[in-house]
Amino acid sequence: MELGEAIERAISYETRVRDLYREAAQSIADPVGRRVLQLLAEEEQGHLDFLEHLRGQWRKNGRIDDLGPPPGSRLPPRPQLQRSLEKLASLDVHAEPAGHEKELEVLGRALQAERETSAFYRQLAGELDADGRRLFDPFVEIEDGHLTLVQAQIDSLRGLGYWYDFKEFDLESG
């Protein structure tokens, strides 16, 4: 796949996931859940902004002259997210509390979208040349972190009956 096509496809993936999170945030009454979904929507918008910048260069020059800094993440690194998920699993609460069907359905769609997006970036990183990999490798790590966060939210709602607020870090800091 050529770089221009990869950028276009990445924009498509990121738009779909961003829109999913925006719609989900508007449909969730819980303030922690809404905040988590809004953060994820903002992160996906940052990815789109970065990709739009690259697409503009590609369309103008047929190459990327100014990669600029890769998109960042306001989430902690995936290992820290994984440790939080393991702490949640160790709470040994297994009954699924009632009343979260809507949230679980929304998070199920988000989990599927993140799986597809992570797989897409992993595929790109394996197919493209060194410059393409340099462009898309950060997306693999970021999207894997999103995947871990969404899974933690599902596990928390199923096991504890509330949104997992990740006390180890502040979702408000940037």
C-alpha atoms as a PDB file:
ATOM      1  CA  MET A   1       0.000   0.000   0.000  1.00  0.00           C
ATOM      2  CA  GLU A   2       1.355   3.413  -0.847  1.00  0.00           C
ATOM      3  CA  LEU A   3       1.669   6.056   1.843  1.00  0.00           C
ATOM      4  CA  GLY A   4      -1.059   8.301   0.419  1.00  0.00           C
ATOM      5  CA  GLU A   5      -3.583   5.450   0.482  1.00  0.00           C
ATOM      6  CA  ALA A   6      -2.483   4.493   4.004  1.00  0.00           C
ATOM      7  CA  ILE A   7      -3.113   8.045   5.205  1.00  0.00           C
ATOM      8  CA  GLU A   8      -6.572   8.096   3.597  1.00  0.00           C
ATOM      9  CA  ARG A   9      -7.512   4.775   5.179  1.00  0.00           C
ATOM     10  CA  ALA A  10      -6.176   5.884   8.555  1.00  0.00           C
ATOM     11  CA  ILE A  11      -8.328   9.021   8.352  1.00  0.00           C
ATOM     12  CA  SER A  12     -11.339   6.837   7.684  1.00  0.00           C
ATOM     13  CA  TYR A  13     -10.628   4.624  10.702  1.00  0.00           C
ATOM     14  CA  GLU A  14      -9.951   7.562  13.010  1.00  0.00           C
ATOM     15  CA  THR A  15     -13.082   9.422  11.896  1.00  0.00           C
ATOM     16  CA  ARG A  16     -15.256   6.393  12.571  1.00  0.00           C
ATOM     17  CA  VAL A  17     -13.796   5.827  16.046  1.00  0.00           C
ATOM     18  CA  ARG A  18     -13.918   9.525  16.953  1.00  0.00           C
ATOM     19  CA  ASP A  19     -17.572   9.748  15.935  1.00  0.00           C
ATOM     20  CA  LEU A  20     -18.381   6.614  17.920  1.00  0.00           C
ATOM     21  CA  TYR A  21     -16.836   8.126  21.070  1.00  0.00           C
ATOM     22  CA  ARG A  22     -18.541  11.496  20.548  1.00  0.00           C
ATOM     23  CA  GLU A  23     -21.946   9.887  20.172  1.00  0.00           C
ATOM     24  CA  ALA A  24     -21.327   7.551  23.098  1.00  0.00           C
ATOM     25  CA  ALA A  25     -20.274  10.408  25.389  1.00  0.00           C
ATOM     26  CA  GLN A  26     -23.532  12.207  24.657  1.00  0.00           C
ATOM     27  CA  SER A  27     -25.567   9.100  25.483  1.00  0.00           C
ATOM     28  CA  ILE A  28     -23.929   8.265  28.845  1.00  0.00           C
ATOM     29  CA  ALA A  29     -25.343   9.817  32.008  1.00  0.00           C
ATOM     30  CA  ASP A  30     -22.496   8.808  34.323  1.00  0.00           C
ATOM     31  CA  PRO A  31     -20.020  11.720  34.601  1.00  0.00           C
ATOM     32  CA  VAL A  32     -16.933   9.475  34.846  1.00  0.00           C
ATOM     33  CA  GLY A  33     -18.062   7.451  31.827  1.00  0.00           C
ATOM     34  CA  ARG A  34     -18.787  10.619  29.887  1.00  0.00           C
ATOM     35  CA  ARG A  35     -15.353  12.033  30.772  1.00  0.00           C
ATOM     36  CA  VAL A  36     -13.556   8.857  29.664  1.00  0.00           C
ATOM     37  CA  LEU A  37     -15.442   8.765  26.357  1.00  0.00           C
ATOM     38  CA  GLN A  38     -14.856  12.479  25.743  1.00  0.00           C
ATOM     39  CA  LEU A  39     -11.139  12.020  26.374  1.00  0.00           C
ATOM     40  CA  LEU A  40     -11.028   9.182  23.860  1.00  0.00           C
ATOM     41  CA  ALA A  41     -12.924  11.302  21.311  1.00  0.00           C
ATOM     42  CA  GLU A  42     -10.420  14.135  21.822  1.00  0.00           C
ATOM     43  CA  GLU A  43      -7.498  11.754  21.354  1.00  0.00           C
ATOM     44  CA  GLU A  44      -8.981  10.451  18.108  1.00  0.00           C
ATOM     45  CA  GLN A  45      -9.491  14.049  16.943  1.00  0.00           C
ATOM     46  CA  GLY A  46      -5.806  14.710  17.612  1.00  0.00           C
ATOM     47  CA  HIS A  47      -4.965  11.720  15.428  1.00  0.00           C
ATOM     48  CA  LEU A  48      -7.196  13.113  12.695  1.00  0.00           C
ATOM     49  CA  ASP A  49      -5.561  16.538  12.895  1.00  0.00           C
ATOM     50  CA  PHE A  50      -2.125  14.938  12.516  1.00  0.00           C
ATOM     51  CA  LEU A  51      -3.253  12.767   9.595  1.00  0.00           C
ATOM     52  CA  GLU A  52      -4.960  15.704   7.865  1.00  0.00           C
ATOM     53  CA  HIS A  53      -1.673  17.623   8.090  1.00  0.00           C
ATOM     54  CA  LEU A  54       0.133  14.700   6.460  1.00  0.00           C
ATOM     55  CA  ARG A  55      -2.535  14.308   3.788  1.00  0.00           C
ATOM     56  CA  GLY A  56      -2.161  17.974   2.866  1.00  0.00           C
ATOM     57  CA  GLN A  57       1.565  17.529   2.351  1.00  0.00           C
ATOM     58  CA  TRP A  58       1.070  14.325   0.388  1.00  0.00           C
ATOM     59  CA  ARG A  59      -1.476  15.914  -1.924  1.00  0.00           C
ATOM     60  CA  LYS A  60       0.690  18.965  -2.473  1.00  0.00           C
ATOM     61  CA  ASN A  61       4.099  17.302  -2.918  1.00  0.00           C
ATOM     62  CA  GLY A  62       3.553  13.564  -3.241  1.00  0.00           C
ATOM     63  CA  ARG A  63       5.710  13.131  -0.148  1.00  0.00           C
ATOM     64  CA  ILE A  64       5.886  13.976   3.539  1.00  0.00           C
ATOM     65  CA  ASP A  65       8.508  16.632   4.187  1.00  0.00           C
ATOM     66  CA  ASP A  66       7.488  17.669   7.685  1.00  0.00           C
ATOM     67  CA  LEU A  67       6.337  14.755   9.795  1.00  0.00           C
ATOM     68  CA  GLY A  68       6.269  16.881  12.907  1.00  0.00           C
ATOM     69  CA  PRO A  69       5.735  15.315  16.300  1.00  0.00           C
ATOM     70  CA  PRO A  70       3.620  12.157  16.293  1.00  0.00           C
ATOM     71  CA  PRO A  71       0.258  12.327  18.007  1.00  0.00           C
ATOM     72  CA  GLY A  72       0.539  11.959  21.722  1.00  0.00           C
ATOM     73  CA  SER A  73      -1.772  10.511  24.304  1.00  0.00           C
ATOM     74  CA  ARG A  74      -3.113  11.837  27.566  1.00  0.00           C
ATOM     75  CA  LEU A  75      -3.462   8.256  28.771  1.00  0.00           C
ATOM     76  CA  PRO A  76      -0.706   6.629  30.767  1.00  0.00           C
ATOM     77  CA  PRO A  77       1.487   4.102  28.972  1.00  0.00           C
ATOM     78  CA  ARG A  78      -0.109   0.752  28.203  1.00  0.00           C
ATOM     79  CA  PRO A  79       1.870  -1.127  30.910  1.00  0.00           C
ATOM     80  CA  GLN A  80       0.395   1.184  33.550  1.00  0.00           C
ATOM     81  CA  LEU A  81      -3.083   0.673  32.106  1.00  0.00           C
ATOM     82  CA  GLN A  82      -2.485  -3.082  32.151  1.00  0.00           C
ATOM     83  CA  ARG A  83      -1.475  -2.961  35.831  1.00  0.00           C
ATOM     84  CA  SER A  84      -4.682  -1.084  36.598  1.00  0.00           C
ATOM     85  CA  LEU A  85      -6.671  -3.712  34.727  1.00  0.00           C
ATOM     86  CA  GLU A  86      -4.947  -6.471  36.718  1.00  0.00           C
ATOM     87  CA  LYS A  87      -5.830  -4.693  39.979  1.00  0.00           C
ATOM     88  CA  LEU A  88      -9.438  -4.547  38.835  1.00  0.00           C
ATOM     89  CA  ALA A  89      -9.427  -8.261  37.984  1.00  0.00           C
ATOM     90  CA  SER A  90      -8.009  -9.092  41.422  1.00  0.00           C
ATOM     91  CA  LEU A  91     -11.064  -7.619  43.176  1.00  0.00           C
ATOM     92  CA  ASP A  92     -12.836 -10.972  42.669  1.00  0.00           C
ATOM     93  CA  VAL A  93     -16.242  -9.468  41.922  1.00  0.00           C
ATOM     94  CA  HIS A  94     -18.048 -11.435  39.251  1.00  0.00           C
ATOM     95  CA  ALA A  95     -21.742 -10.604  39.333  1.00  0.00           C
ATOM     96  CA  GLU A  96     -22.811  -8.301  36.516  1.00  0.00           C
ATOM     97  CA  PRO A  97     -24.791  -5.469  38.074  1.00  0.00           C
ATOM     98  CA  ALA A  98     -28.002  -4.579  36.299  1.00  0.00           C
ATOM     99  CA  GLY A  99     -28.621  -1.234  34.687  1.00  0.00           C
ATOM    100  CA  HIS A 100     -25.535  -0.897  32.509  1.00  0.00           C
ATOM    101  CA  GLU A 101     -26.773  -2.561  29.352  1.00  0.00           C
ATOM    102  CA  LYS A 102     -26.551   0.648  27.315  1.00  0.00           C
ATOM    103  CA  GLU A 103     -23.042   1.459  28.503  1.00  0.00           C
ATOM    104  CA  LEU A 104     -21.866  -2.104  27.885  1.00  0.00           C
ATOM    105  CA  GLU A 105     -23.347  -2.060  24.384  1.00  0.00           C
ATOM    106  CA  VAL A 106     -21.582   1.238  23.603  1.00  0.00           C
ATOM    107  CA  LEU A 107     -18.311  -0.046  25.022  1.00  0.00           C
ATOM    108  CA  GLY A 108     -18.665  -3.292  23.062  1.00  0.00           C
ATOM    109  CA  ARG A 109     -18.868  -1.275  19.833  1.00  0.00           C
ATOM    110  CA  ALA A 110     -15.885   0.813  20.951  1.00  0.00           C
ATOM    111  CA  LEU A 111     -13.884  -2.323  21.761  1.00  0.00           C
ATOM    112  CA  GLN A 112     -14.559  -3.743  18.305  1.00  0.00           C
ATOM    113  CA  ALA A 113     -13.624  -0.447  16.624  1.00  0.00           C
ATOM    114  CA  GLU A 114     -10.382  -0.236  18.618  1.00  0.00           C
ATOM    115  CA  ARG A 115      -9.510  -3.838  17.743  1.00  0.00           C
ATOM    116  CA  GLU A 116     -10.018  -3.125  14.058  1.00  0.00           C
ATOM    117  CA  THR A 117      -8.066   0.134  14.237  1.00  0.00           C
ATOM    118  CA  SER A 118      -5.159  -1.465  16.139  1.00  0.00           C
ATOM    119  CA  ALA A 119      -5.036  -4.316  13.620  1.00  0.00           C
ATOM    120  CA  PHE A 120      -5.042  -1.830  10.738  1.00  0.00           C
ATOM    121  CA  TYR A 121      -2.084   0.119  12.159  1.00  0.00           C
ATOM    122  CA  ARG A 122      -0.200  -3.074  12.960  1.00  0.00           C
ATOM    123  CA  GLN A 123      -0.715  -4.201   9.353  1.00  0.00           C
ATOM    124  CA  LEU A 124       0.508  -0.838   8.033  1.00  0.00           C
ATOM    125  CA  ALA A 125       3.590  -0.960  10.230  1.00  0.00           C
ATOM    126  CA  GLY A 126       4.405  -4.340   8.711  1.00  0.00           C
ATOM    127  CA  GLU A 127       3.785  -3.361   5.073  1.00  0.00           C
ATOM    128  CA  LEU A 128       5.250   0.119   4.723  1.00  0.00           C
ATOM    129  CA  ASP A 129       8.856   1.177   4.369  1.00  0.00           C
ATOM    130  CA  ALA A 130      10.867   2.672   7.238  1.00  0.00           C
ATOM    131  CA  ASP A 131       9.355   6.146   6.758  1.00  0.00           C
ATOM    132  CA  GLY A 132       5.838   4.717   6.782  1.00  0.00           C
ATOM    133  CA  ARG A 133       6.568   2.674   9.880  1.00  0.00           C
ATOM    134  CA  ARG A 134       7.984   5.748  11.598  1.00  0.00           C
ATOM    135  CA  LEU A 135       4.718   7.510  10.838  1.00  0.00           C
ATOM    136  CA  PHE A 136       2.349   4.735  11.951  1.00  0.00           C
ATOM    137  CA  ASP A 137       4.244   2.936  14.760  1.00  0.00           C
ATOM    138  CA  PRO A 138       3.098   5.486  17.390  1.00  0.00           C
ATOM    139  CA  PHE A 139      -0.506   4.799  16.403  1.00  0.00           C
ATOM    140  CA  VAL A 140      -0.104   1.102  17.243  1.00  0.00           C
ATOM    141  CA  GLU A 141       0.905   1.889  20.819  1.00  0.00           C
ATOM    142  CA  ILE A 142      -1.757   4.569  21.289  1.00  0.00           C
ATOM    143  CA  GLU A 143      -4.590   2.466  19.900  1.00  0.00           C
ATOM    144  CA  ASP A 144      -3.481  -0.531  21.958  1.00  0.00           C
ATOM    145  CA  GLY A 145      -3.735   1.740  25.009  1.00  0.00           C
ATOM    146  CA  HIS A 146      -7.248   2.736  23.983  1.00  0.00           C
ATOM    147  CA  LEU A 147      -8.126  -0.924  23.597  1.00  0.00           C
ATOM    148  CA  THR A 148      -6.844  -1.660  27.108  1.00  0.00           C
ATOM    149  CA  LEU A 149      -8.796   1.277  28.554  1.00  0.00           C
ATOM    150  CA  VAL A 150     -12.068   0.259  26.891  1.00  0.00           C
ATOM    151  CA  GLN A 151     -11.640  -3.338  28.093  1.00  0.00           C
ATOM    152  CA  ALA A 152     -11.006  -2.069  31.630  1.00  0.00           C
ATOM    153  CA  GLN A 153     -14.210  -0.036  31.481  1.00  0.00           C
ATOM    154  CA  ILE A 154     -16.184  -3.095  30.365  1.00  0.00           C
ATOM    155  CA  ASP A 155     -14.647  -5.221  33.109  1.00  0.00           C
ATOM    156  CA  SER A 156     -15.354  -2.566  35.710  1.00  0.00           C
ATOM    157  CA  LEU A 157     -18.993  -2.152  34.747  1.00  0.00           C
ATOM    158  CA  ARG A 158     -19.503  -5.907  34.683  1.00  0.00           C
ATOM    159  CA  GLY A 159     -17.721  -6.581  37.935  1.00  0.00           C
ATOM    160  CA  LEU A 160     -18.223  -3.501  40.039  1.00  0.00           C
ATOM    161  CA  GLY A 161     -21.152  -1.668  38.526  1.00  0.00           C
ATOM    162  CA  TYR A 162     -19.364   1.629  37.981  1.00  0.00           C
ATOM    163  CA  TRP A 163     -16.972   3.246  35.534  1.00  0.00           C
ATOM    164  CA  TYR A 164     -13.353   2.659  36.386  1.00  0.00           C
ATOM    165  CA  ASP A 165     -11.831   6.057  37.139  1.00  0.00           C
ATOM    166  CA  PHE A 166      -8.123   5.048  36.989  1.00  0.00           C
ATOM    167  CA  LYS A 167      -7.130   6.694  40.242  1.00  0.00           C
ATOM    168  CA  GLU A 168      -3.464   6.246  39.291  1.00  0.00           C
ATOM    169  CA  PHE A 169      -3.630   9.206  36.926  1.00  0.00           C
ATOM    170  CA  ASP A 170      -5.625  12.325  36.242  1.00  0.00           C
ATOM    171  CA  LEU A 171      -7.759  12.290  33.107  1.00  0.00           C
ATOM    172  CA  GLU A 172      -7.987  16.066  33.296  1.00  0.00           C
ATOM    173  CA  SER A 173      -4.271  16.781  32.915  1.00  0.00           C
ATOM    174  CA  GLY A 174      -2.823  17.186  29.450  1.00  0.00           C
END
